[in-house]
Amino acid sequence: MKEVLVEVFVPTINKTYDIYIPIQFPLFKIKKMIGKSVSELSMGQYAWDNEVILCNREDGSILNINLSAIELDIKDGARLMLI
Protein backbone atom coordinates (compact mmCIF):
# COMPACT_ATOMS: atom_id res chain seq x y z
CA MET A 1 0.00 0.00 0.00
CA LYS A 2 1.49 3.35 -1.09
CA GLU A 3 1.38 6.08 1.55
CA VAL A 4 2.36 9.73 1.72
CA LEU A 5 3.32 11.82 4.73
CA VAL A 6 1.07 14.84 5.24
CA GLU A 7 1.04 17.61 7.81
CA VAL A 8 -2.35 18.03 9.49
CA PHE A 9 -3.13 21.22 11.40
CA VAL A 10 -6.01 21.07 13.91
CA PRO A 11 -7.10 24.63 14.79
CA THR A 12 -9.38 23.57 17.67
CA ILE A 13 -6.32 22.45 19.66
CA ASN A 14 -3.76 24.59 17.79
CA LYS A 15 -1.51 21.61 17.03
CA THR A 16 0.06 20.08 13.93
CA TYR A 17 0.71 16.38 13.33
CA ASP A 18 2.61 14.47 10.64
CA ILE A 19 0.51 11.50 9.55
CA TYR A 20 0.96 8.85 6.84
CA ILE A 21 -2.13 8.35 4.68
CA PRO A 22 -2.82 5.72 1.99
CA ILE A 23 -3.16 7.40 -1.40
CA GLN A 24 -5.63 4.94 -2.93
CA PHE A 25 -8.35 5.22 -0.25
CA PRO A 26 -11.24 7.66 -0.68
CA LEU A 27 -10.86 10.75 1.47
CA PHE A 28 -13.88 9.92 3.64
CA LYS A 29 -11.92 6.91 4.95
CA ILE A 30 -8.72 8.92 5.24
CA LYS A 31 -10.55 11.67 7.14
CA LYS A 32 -11.72 9.12 9.69
CA MET A 33 -8.21 7.67 10.02
CA ILE A 34 -6.73 11.15 10.51
CA GLY A 35 -9.37 12.12 13.07
CA LYS A 36 -8.84 9.01 15.14
CA SER A 37 -5.04 9.38 14.93
CA VAL A 38 -5.21 13.01 16.07
CA SER A 39 -7.48 12.03 18.95
CA GLU A 40 -4.94 9.43 20.09
CA LEU A 41 -1.88 11.60 19.50
CA SER A 42 -3.43 14.53 21.38
CA MET A 43 -4.23 12.26 24.32
CA GLY A 44 -7.90 13.11 24.14
CA GLN A 45 -7.56 16.89 23.65
CA TYR A 46 -9.21 16.46 20.28
CA ALA A 47 -12.55 14.65 20.22
CA TRP A 48 -13.16 12.91 16.88
CA ASP A 49 -16.41 13.89 15.16
CA ASN A 50 -17.46 12.54 11.77
CA GLU A 51 -18.75 15.99 10.79
CA VAL A 52 -15.27 17.53 10.52
CA ILE A 53 -14.01 18.89 7.22
CA LEU A 54 -10.63 18.23 5.64
CA CYS A 55 -9.17 21.23 3.82
CA ASN A 56 -6.07 22.21 1.94
CA ARG A 57 -4.22 24.43 4.41
CA GLU A 58 -2.49 26.43 1.67
CA ASP A 59 -5.63 27.85 0.05
CA GLY A 60 -8.45 26.79 2.41
CA SER A 61 -10.26 24.75 -0.26
CA ILE A 62 -12.45 21.94 1.02
CA LEU A 63 -11.32 18.54 -0.26
CA ASN A 64 -13.84 16.27 -1.98
CA ILE A 65 -14.22 13.26 0.34
CA ASN A 66 -15.42 11.05 -2.51
CA LEU A 67 -12.08 11.22 -4.32
CA SER A 68 -8.87 9.42 -3.37
CA ALA A 69 -5.74 11.20 -2.21
CA ILE A 70 -4.07 10.32 -5.52
CA GLU A 71 -6.98 11.83 -7.49
CA LEU A 72 -6.65 15.00 -5.40
CA ASP A 73 -2.90 15.07 -6.08
CA ILE A 74 -2.03 14.87 -2.37
CA LYS A 75 1.70 14.23 -2.14
CA ASP A 76 4.38 13.96 0.52
CA GLY A 77 4.52 17.20 2.48
CA ALA A 78 0.98 18.27 1.68
CA ARG A 79 -0.42 20.62 4.32
CA LEU A 80 -3.98 19.80 5.36
CA MET A 81 -6.32 21.20 8.00
CA LEU A 82 -8.97 19.35 10.01
CA ILE A 83 -11.81 21.72 10.97
PDB file of N, CA and C in Angstrom:
ATOM      1  N   MET A   1       0.847  -1.169   0.000  1.00  0.00           N
ATOM      2  CA  MET A   1       0.000   0.000   0.000  1.00  0.00           C
ATOM      3  C   MET A   1       0.900   1.242   0.000  1.00  0.00           C
ATOM      4  N   LYS A   2       0.710   2.115  -0.964  1.00  0.00           N
ATOM      5  CA  LYS A   2       1.488   3.352  -1.085  1.00  0.00           C
ATOM      6  C   LYS A   2       0.913   4.408  -0.148  1.00  0.00           C
ATOM      7  N   GLU A   3       1.804   5.044   0.614  1.00  0.00           N
ATOM      8  CA  GLU A   3       1.383   6.082   1.552  1.00  0.00           C
ATOM      9  C   GLU A   3       2.209   7.345   1.326  1.00  0.00           C
ATOM     10  N   VAL A   4       1.640   8.465   1.741  1.00  0.00           N
ATOM     11  CA  VAL A   4       2.359   9.733   1.724  1.00  0.00           C
ATOM     12  C   VAL A   4       2.283  10.337   3.119  1.00  0.00           C
ATOM     13  N   LEU A   5       3.275  11.150   3.441  1.00  0.00           N
ATOM     14  CA  LEU A   5       3.324  11.821   4.730  1.00  0.00           C
ATOM     15  C   LEU A   5       2.764  13.225   4.560  1.00  0.00           C
ATOM     16  N   VAL A   6       1.694  13.522   5.307  1.00  0.00           N
ATOM     17  CA  VAL A   6       1.072  14.843   5.240  1.00  0.00           C
ATOM     18  C   VAL A   6       1.148  15.519   6.604  1.00  0.00           C
ATOM     19  N   GLU A   7       1.088  16.826   6.593  1.00  0.00           N
ATOM     20  CA  GLU A   7       1.044  17.612   7.812  1.00  0.00           C
ATOM     21  C   GLU A   7      -0.410  18.025   8.022  1.00  0.00           C
ATOM     22  N   VAL A   8      -0.946  17.715   9.195  1.00  0.00           N
ATOM     23  CA  VAL A   8      -2.350  18.032   9.485  1.00  0.00           C
ATOM     24  C   VAL A   8      -2.402  19.027  10.639  1.00  0.00           C
ATOM     25  N   PHE A   9      -2.956  20.207  10.374  1.00  0.00           N
ATOM     26  CA  PHE A   9      -3.132  21.223  11.403  1.00  0.00           C
ATOM     27  C   PHE A   9      -4.564  21.118  11.929  1.00  0.00           C
ATOM     28  N   VAL A  10      -4.703  21.150  13.261  1.00  0.00           N
ATOM     29  CA  VAL A  10      -6.014  21.065  13.906  1.00  0.00           C
ATOM     30  C   VAL A  10      -6.223  22.358  14.701  1.00  0.00           C
ATOM     31  N   PRO A  11      -6.947  23.330  14.142  1.00  0.00           N
ATOM     32  CA  PRO A  11      -7.103  24.631  14.794  1.00  0.00           C
ATOM     33  C   PRO A  11      -7.774  24.577  16.170  1.00  0.00           C
ATOM     34  N   THR A  12      -8.662  23.626  16.385  1.00  0.00           N
ATOM     35  CA  THR A  12      -9.375  23.574  17.666  1.00  0.00           C
ATOM     36  C   THR A  12      -8.446  23.319  18.843  1.00  0.00           C
ATOM     37  N   ILE A  13      -7.301  22.683  18.586  1.00  0.00           N
ATOM     38  CA  ILE A  13      -6.325  22.455  19.663  1.00  0.00           C
ATOM     39  C   ILE A  13      -4.985  23.123  19.350  1.00  0.00           C
ATOM     40  N   ASN A  14      -4.941  23.850  18.224  1.00  0.00           N
ATOM     41  CA  ASN A  14      -3.760  24.590  17.795  1.00  0.00           C
ATOM     42  C   ASN A  14      -2.496  23.711  17.748  1.00  0.00           C
ATOM     43  N   LYS A  15      -2.636  22.532  17.142  1.00  0.00           N
ATOM     44  CA  LYS A  15      -1.505  21.605  17.030  1.00  0.00           C
ATOM     45  C   LYS A  15      -1.420  21.069  15.609  1.00  0.00           C
ATOM     46  N   THR A  16      -0.209  20.647  15.248  1.00  0.00           N
ATOM     47  CA  THR A  16       0.058  20.081  13.930  1.00  0.00           C
ATOM     48  C   THR A  16       0.657  18.693  14.106  1.00  0.00           C
ATOM     49  N   TYR A  17       0.230  17.762  13.256  1.00  0.00           N
ATOM     50  CA  TYR A  17       0.711  16.381  13.325  1.00  0.00           C
ATOM     51  C   TYR A  17       1.136  15.921  11.938  1.00  0.00           C
ATOM     52  N   ASP A  18       2.188  15.120  11.885  1.00  0.00           N
ATOM     53  CA  ASP A  18       2.609  14.467  10.645  1.00  0.00           C
ATOM     54  C   ASP A  18       2.008  13.069  10.643  1.00  0.00           C
ATOM     55  N   ILE A  19       1.243  12.763   9.606  1.00  0.00           N
ATOM     56  CA  ILE A  19       0.515  11.496   9.547  1.00  0.00           C
ATOM     57  C   ILE A  19       0.670  10.880   8.155  1.00  0.00           C
ATOM     58  N   TYR A  20       0.928   9.583   8.112  1.00  0.00           N
ATOM     59  CA  TYR A  20       0.959   8.852   6.840  1.00  0.00           C
ATOM     60  C   TYR A  20      -0.461   8.480   6.452  1.00  0.00           C
ATOM     61  N   ILE A  21      -0.803   8.720   5.181  1.00  0.00           N
ATOM     62  CA  ILE A  21      -2.126   8.347   4.677  1.00  0.00           C
ATOM     63  C   ILE A  21      -1.963   7.506   3.415  1.00  0.00           C
ATOM     64  N   PRO A  22      -2.857   6.523   3.218  1.00  0.00           N
ATOM     65  CA  PRO A  22      -2.818   5.717   1.986  1.00  0.00           C
ATOM     66  C   PRO A  22      -3.404   6.521   0.825  1.00  0.00           C
ATOM     67  N   ILE A  23      -2.720   6.544  -0.301  1.00  0.00           N
ATOM     68  CA  ILE A  23      -3.163   7.398  -1.404  1.00  0.00           C
ATOM     69  C   ILE A  23      -4.323   6.822  -2.211  1.00  0.00           C
ATOM     70  N   GLN A  24      -4.571   5.519  -2.104  1.00  0.00           N
ATOM     71  CA  GLN A  24      -5.625   4.936  -2.933  1.00  0.00           C
ATOM     72  C   GLN A  24      -7.003   4.924  -2.256  1.00  0.00           C
ATOM     73  N   PHE A  25      -7.067   5.209  -0.963  1.00  0.00           N
ATOM     74  CA  PHE A  25      -8.350   5.216  -0.248  1.00  0.00           C
ATOM     75  C   PHE A  25      -9.120   6.501  -0.554  1.00  0.00           C
ATOM     76  N   PRO A  26     -10.458   6.426  -0.538  1.00  0.00           N
ATOM     77  CA  PRO A  26     -11.236   7.661  -0.684  1.00  0.00           C
ATOM     78  C   PRO A  26     -11.039   8.528   0.563  1.00  0.00           C
ATOM     79  N   LEU A  27     -11.149   9.827   0.382  1.00  0.00           N
ATOM     80  CA  LEU A  27     -10.864  10.755   1.466  1.00  0.00           C
ATOM     81  C   LEU A  27     -11.791  10.597   2.667  1.00  0.00           C
ATOM     82  N   PHE A  28     -13.015  10.099   2.479  1.00  0.00           N
ATOM     83  CA  PHE A  28     -13.883   9.924   3.641  1.00  0.00           C
ATOM     84  C   PHE A  28     -13.307   8.886   4.601  1.00  0.00           C
ATOM     85  N   LYS A  29     -12.592   7.892   4.079  1.00  0.00           N
ATOM     86  CA  LYS A  29     -11.922   6.913   4.952  1.00  0.00           C
ATOM     87  C   LYS A  29     -10.659   7.518   5.563  1.00  0.00           C
ATOM     88  N   ILE A  30      -9.936   8.272   4.760  1.00  0.00           N
ATOM     89  CA  ILE A  30      -8.718   8.916   5.239  1.00  0.00           C
ATOM     90  C   ILE A  30      -9.047   9.922   6.333  1.00  0.00           C
ATOM     91  N   LYS A  31     -10.131  10.678   6.148  1.00  0.00           N
ATOM     92  CA  LYS A  31     -10.547  11.670   7.141  1.00  0.00           C
ATOM     93  C   LYS A  31     -10.801  11.006   8.493  1.00  0.00           C
ATOM     94  N   LYS A  32     -11.444   9.859   8.459  1.00  0.00           N
ATOM     95  CA  LYS A  32     -11.720   9.120   9.694  1.00  0.00           C
ATOM     96  C   LYS A  32     -10.416   8.636  10.334  1.00  0.00           C
ATOM     97  N   MET A  33      -9.505   8.132   9.511  1.00  0.00           N
ATOM     98  CA  MET A  33      -8.207   7.665  10.019  1.00  0.00           C
ATOM     99  C   MET A  33      -7.437   8.824  10.658  1.00  0.00           C
ATOM    100  N   ILE A  34      -7.430   9.975   9.990  1.00  0.00           N
ATOM    101  CA  ILE A  34      -6.730  11.145  10.506  1.00  0.00           C
ATOM    102  C   ILE A  34      -7.360  11.600  11.826  1.00  0.00           C
ATOM    103  N   GLY A  35      -8.674  11.679  11.858  1.00  0.00           N
ATOM    104  CA  GLY A  35      -9.373  12.121  13.068  1.00  0.00           C
ATOM    105  C   GLY A  35      -9.087  11.234  14.264  1.00  0.00           C
ATOM    106  N   LYS A  36      -9.122   9.942  14.050  1.00  0.00           N
ATOM    107  CA  LYS A  36      -8.838   9.013  15.141  1.00  0.00           C
ATOM    108  C   LYS A  36      -7.372   9.093  15.569  1.00  0.00           C
ATOM    109  N   SER A  37      -6.466   9.251  14.605  1.00  0.00           N
ATOM    110  CA  SER A  37      -5.041   9.384  14.926  1.00  0.00           C
ATOM    111  C   SER A  37      -4.786  10.640  15.746  1.00  0.00           C
ATOM    112  N   VAL A  38      -5.385  11.751  15.342  1.00  0.00           N
ATOM    113  CA  VAL A  38      -5.205  13.011  16.070  1.00  0.00           C
ATOM    114  C   VAL A  38      -5.765  12.889  17.482  1.00  0.00           C
ATOM    115  N   SER A  39      -6.898  12.232  17.628  1.00  0.00           N
ATOM    116  CA  SER A  39      -7.482  12.029  18.954  1.00  0.00           C
ATOM    117  C   SER A  39      -6.521  11.260  19.858  1.00  0.00           C
ATOM    118  N   GLU A  40      -5.906  10.220  19.316  1.00  0.00           N
ATOM    119  CA  GLU A  40      -4.942   9.429  20.094  1.00  0.00           C
ATOM    120  C   GLU A  40      -3.669  10.211  20.371  1.00  0.00           C
ATOM    121  N   LEU A  41      -3.129  10.865  19.341  1.00  0.00           N
ATOM    122  CA  LEU A  41      -1.876  11.602  19.500  1.00  0.00           C
ATOM    123  C   LEU A  41      -2.017  12.794  20.450  1.00  0.00           C
ATOM    124  N   SER A  42      -3.197  13.377  20.503  1.00  0.00           N
ATOM    125  CA  SER A  42      -3.427  14.528  21.375  1.00  0.00           C
ATOM    126  C   SER A  42      -3.830  14.112  22.788  1.00  0.00           C
ATOM    127  N   MET A  43      -3.841  12.807  23.018  1.00  0.00           N
ATOM    128  CA  MET A  43      -4.226  12.256  24.325  1.00  0.00           C
ATOM    129  C   MET A  43      -5.604  12.752  24.779  1.00  0.00           C
ATOM    130  N   GLY A  44      -6.522  12.768  23.830  1.00  0.00           N
ATOM    131  CA  GLY A  44      -7.905  13.111  24.138  1.00  0.00           C
ATOM    132  C   GLY A  44      -8.237  14.592  24.073  1.00  0.00           C
ATOM    133  N   GLN A  45      -7.261  15.456  23.786  1.00  0.00           N
ATOM    134  CA  GLN A  45      -7.561  16.887  23.652  1.00  0.00           C
ATOM    135  C   GLN A  45      -8.512  17.137  22.494  1.00  0.00           C
ATOM    136  N   TYR A  46      -8.355  16.337  21.454  1.00  0.00           N
ATOM    137  CA  TYR A  46      -9.214  16.456  20.280  1.00  0.00           C
ATOM    138  C   TYR A  46     -10.219  15.318  20.305  1.00  0.00           C
ATOM    139  N   ALA A  47     -11.492  15.664  20.240  1.00  0.00           N
ATOM    140  CA  ALA A  47     -12.547  14.646  20.219  1.00  0.00           C
ATOM    141  C   ALA A  47     -13.003  14.444  18.777  1.00  0.00           C
ATOM    142  N   TRP A  48     -12.802  13.243  18.269  1.00  0.00           N
ATOM    143  CA  TRP A  48     -13.163  12.915  16.885  1.00  0.00           C
ATOM    144  C   TRP A  48     -14.667  13.063  16.674  1.00  0.00           C
ATOM    145  N   ASP A  49     -15.020  13.705  15.564  1.00  0.00           N
ATOM    146  CA  ASP A  49     -16.406  13.893  15.159  1.00  0.00           C
ATOM    147  C   ASP A  49     -16.456  13.672  13.655  1.00  0.00           C
ATOM    148  N   ASN A  50     -17.368  12.860  13.187  1.00  0.00           N
ATOM    149  CA  ASN A  50     -17.460  12.536  11.766  1.00  0.00           C
ATOM    150  C   ASN A  50     -17.853  13.738  10.906  1.00  0.00           C
ATOM    151  N   GLU A  51     -18.307  14.806  11.535  1.00  0.00           N
ATOM    152  CA  GLU A  51     -18.752  15.989  10.788  1.00  0.00           C
ATOM    153  C   GLU A  51     -17.619  16.958  10.454  1.00  0.00           C
ATOM    154  N   VAL A  52     -16.389  16.629  10.812  1.00  0.00           N
ATOM    155  CA  VAL A  52     -15.269  17.528  10.518  1.00  0.00           C
ATOM    156  C   VAL A  52     -15.013  17.606   9.021  1.00  0.00           C
ATOM    157  N   ILE A  53     -14.307  18.647   8.628  1.00  0.00           N
ATOM    158  CA  ILE A  53     -14.005  18.889   7.224  1.00  0.00           C
ATOM    159  C   ILE A  53     -12.492  18.859   7.046  1.00  0.00           C
ATOM    160  N   LEU A  54     -12.049  18.261   5.965  1.00  0.00           N
ATOM    161  CA  LEU A  54     -10.626  18.225   5.639  1.00  0.00           C
ATOM    162  C   LEU A  54     -10.375  19.229   4.517  1.00  0.00           C
ATOM    163  N   CYS A  55      -9.453  20.162   4.769  1.00  0.00           N
ATOM    164  CA  CYS A  55      -9.170  21.233   3.818  1.00  0.00           C
ATOM    165  C   CYS A  55      -7.701  21.243   3.428  1.00  0.00           C
ATOM    166  N   ASN A  56      -7.432  21.914   2.334  1.00  0.00           N
ATOM    167  CA  ASN A  56      -6.069  22.214   1.938  1.00  0.00           C
ATOM    168  C   ASN A  56      -5.659  23.434   2.756  1.00  0.00           C
ATOM    169  N   ARG A  57      -4.607  23.326   3.530  1.00  0.00           N
ATOM    170  CA  ARG A  57      -4.215  24.428   4.406  1.00  0.00           C
ATOM    171  C   ARG A  57      -3.650  25.608   3.624  1.00  0.00           C
ATOM    172  N   GLU A  58      -3.105  25.359   2.462  1.00  0.00           N
ATOM    173  CA  GLU A  58      -2.492  26.429   1.669  1.00  0.00           C
ATOM    174  C   GLU A  58      -3.518  27.437   1.160  1.00  0.00           C
ATOM    175  N   ASP A  59      -4.648  26.933   0.642  1.00  0.00           N
ATOM    176  CA  ASP A  59      -5.634  27.852   0.055  1.00  0.00           C
ATOM    177  C   ASP A  59      -7.019  27.778   0.703  1.00  0.00           C
ATOM    178  N   GLY A  60      -7.180  26.888   1.688  1.00  0.00           N
ATOM    179  CA  GLY A  60      -8.454  26.786   2.407  1.00  0.00           C
ATOM    180  C   GLY A  60      -9.543  26.028   1.673  1.00  0.00           C
ATOM    181  N   SER A  61      -9.229  25.469   0.511  1.00  0.00           N
ATOM    182  CA  SER A  61     -10.255  24.754  -0.256  1.00  0.00           C
ATOM    183  C   SER A  61     -10.644  23.450   0.442  1.00  0.00           C
ATOM    184  N   ILE A  62     -11.928  23.168   0.428  1.00  0.00           N
ATOM    185  CA  ILE A  62     -12.450  21.935   1.019  1.00  0.00           C
ATOM    186  C   ILE A  62     -12.186  20.791   0.052  1.00  0.00           C
ATOM    187  N   LEU A  63     -11.645  19.692   0.579  1.00  0.00           N
ATOM    188  CA  LEU A  63     -11.321  18.540  -0.257  1.00  0.00           C
ATOM    189  C   LEU A  63     -12.540  17.640  -0.444  1.00  0.00           C
ATOM    190  N   ASN A  64     -12.725  17.154  -1.650  1.00  0.00           N
ATOM    191  CA  ASN A  64     -13.844  16.266  -1.984  1.00  0.00           C
ATOM    192  C   ASN A  64     -13.601  14.896  -1.358  1.00  0.00           C
ATOM    193  N   ILE A  65     -14.427  14.517  -0.393  1.00  0.00           N
ATOM    194  CA  ILE A  65     -14.217  13.259   0.342  1.00  0.00           C
ATOM    195  C   ILE A  65     -14.534  12.016  -0.486  1.00  0.00           C
ATOM    196  N   ASN A  66     -15.103  12.196  -1.658  1.00  0.00           N
ATOM    197  CA  ASN A  66     -15.421  11.050  -2.507  1.00  0.00           C
ATOM    198  C   ASN A  66     -14.268  10.667  -3.432  1.00  0.00           C
ATOM    199  N   LEU A  67     -13.238  11.505  -3.484  1.00  0.00           N
ATOM    200  CA  LEU A  67     -12.075  11.219  -4.321  1.00  0.00           C
ATOM    201  C   LEU A  67     -10.946  10.662  -3.465  1.00  0.00           C
ATOM    202  N   SER A  68     -10.030   9.961  -4.099  1.00  0.00           N
ATOM    203  CA  SER A  68      -8.874   9.420  -3.372  1.00  0.00           C
ATOM    204  C   SER A  68      -7.795  10.504  -3.256  1.00  0.00           C
ATOM    205  N   ALA A  69      -6.850  10.256  -2.382  1.00  0.00           N
ATOM    206  CA  ALA A  69      -5.742  11.196  -2.214  1.00  0.00           C
ATOM    207  C   ALA A  69      -4.958  11.342  -3.506  1.00  0.00           C
ATOM    208  N   ILE A  70      -4.805  10.254  -4.249  1.00  0.00           N
ATOM    209  CA  ILE A  70      -4.068  10.319  -5.516  1.00  0.00           C
ATOM    210  C   ILE A  70      -4.840  11.155  -6.547  1.00  0.00           C
ATOM    211  N   GLU A  71      -6.163  11.035  -6.558  1.00  0.00           N
ATOM    212  CA  GLU A  71      -6.976  11.828  -7.488  1.00  0.00           C
ATOM    213  C   GLU A  71      -6.925  13.316  -7.138  1.00  0.00           C
ATOM    214  N   LEU A  72      -6.743  13.613  -5.847  1.00  0.00           N
ATOM    215  CA  LEU A  72      -6.653  15.004  -5.395  1.00  0.00           C
ATOM    216  C   LEU A  72      -5.225  15.536  -5.453  1.00  0.00           C
ATOM    217  N   ASP A  73      -4.311  14.703  -5.941  1.00  0.00           N
ATOM    218  CA  ASP A  73      -2.903  15.070  -6.082  1.00  0.00           C
ATOM    219  C   ASP A  73      -2.259  15.435  -4.739  1.00  0.00           C
ATOM    220  N   ILE A  74      -2.636  14.689  -3.692  1.00  0.00           N
ATOM    221  CA  ILE A  74      -2.030  14.871  -2.373  1.00  0.00           C
ATOM    222  C   ILE A  74      -0.718  14.100  -2.366  1.00  0.00           C
ATOM    223  N   LYS A  75       0.364  14.822  -2.095  1.00  0.00           N
ATOM    224  CA  LYS A  75       1.698  14.233  -2.140  1.00  0.00           C
ATOM    225  C   LYS A  75       2.395  14.412  -0.809  1.00  0.00           C
ATOM    226  N   ASP A  76       3.578  13.784  -0.681  1.00  0.00           N
ATOM    227  CA  ASP A  76       4.381  13.963   0.520  1.00  0.00           C
ATOM    228  C   ASP A  76       4.546  15.449   0.811  1.00  0.00           C
ATOM    229  N   GLY A  77       4.353  15.812   2.073  1.00  0.00           N
ATOM    230  CA  GLY A  77       4.525  17.204   2.484  1.00  0.00           C
ATOM    231  C   GLY A  77       3.304  18.060   2.336  1.00  0.00           C
ATOM    232  N   ALA A  78       2.205  17.497   1.816  1.00  0.00           N
ATOM    233  CA  ALA A  78       0.976  18.274   1.682  1.00  0.00           C
ATOM    234  C   ALA A  78       0.549  18.791   3.051  1.00  0.00           C
ATOM    235  N   ARG A  79       0.017  20.006   3.069  1.00  0.00           N
ATOM    236  CA  ARG A  79      -0.422  20.619   4.320  1.00  0.00           C
ATOM    237  C   ARG A  79      -1.945  20.662   4.316  1.00  0.00           C
ATOM    238  N   LEU A  80      -2.532  19.895   5.245  1.00  0.00           N
ATOM    239  CA  LEU A  80      -3.984  19.805   5.357  1.00  0.00           C
ATOM    240  C   LEU A  80      -4.443  20.418   6.682  1.00  0.00           C
ATOM    241  N   MET A  81      -5.745  20.657   6.785  1.00  0.00           N
ATOM    242  CA  MET A  81      -6.321  21.203   7.999  1.00  0.00           C
ATOM    243  C   MET A  81      -7.618  20.460   8.307  1.00  0.00           C
ATOM    244  N   LEU A  82      -7.788  20.086   9.550  1.00  0.00           N
ATOM    245  CA  LEU A  82      -8.970  19.354  10.010  1.00  0.00           C
ATOM    246  C   LEU A  82      -9.821  20.324  10.823  1.00  0.00           C
ATOM    247  N   ILE A  83     -10.963  20.757  10.261  1.00  0.00           N
ATOM    248  CA  ILE A  83     -11.814  21.722  10.970  1.00  0.00           C
ATOM    249  C   ILE A  83     -13.213  21.181  11.190  1.00  0.00           C
TER     250      ILE A  83
END
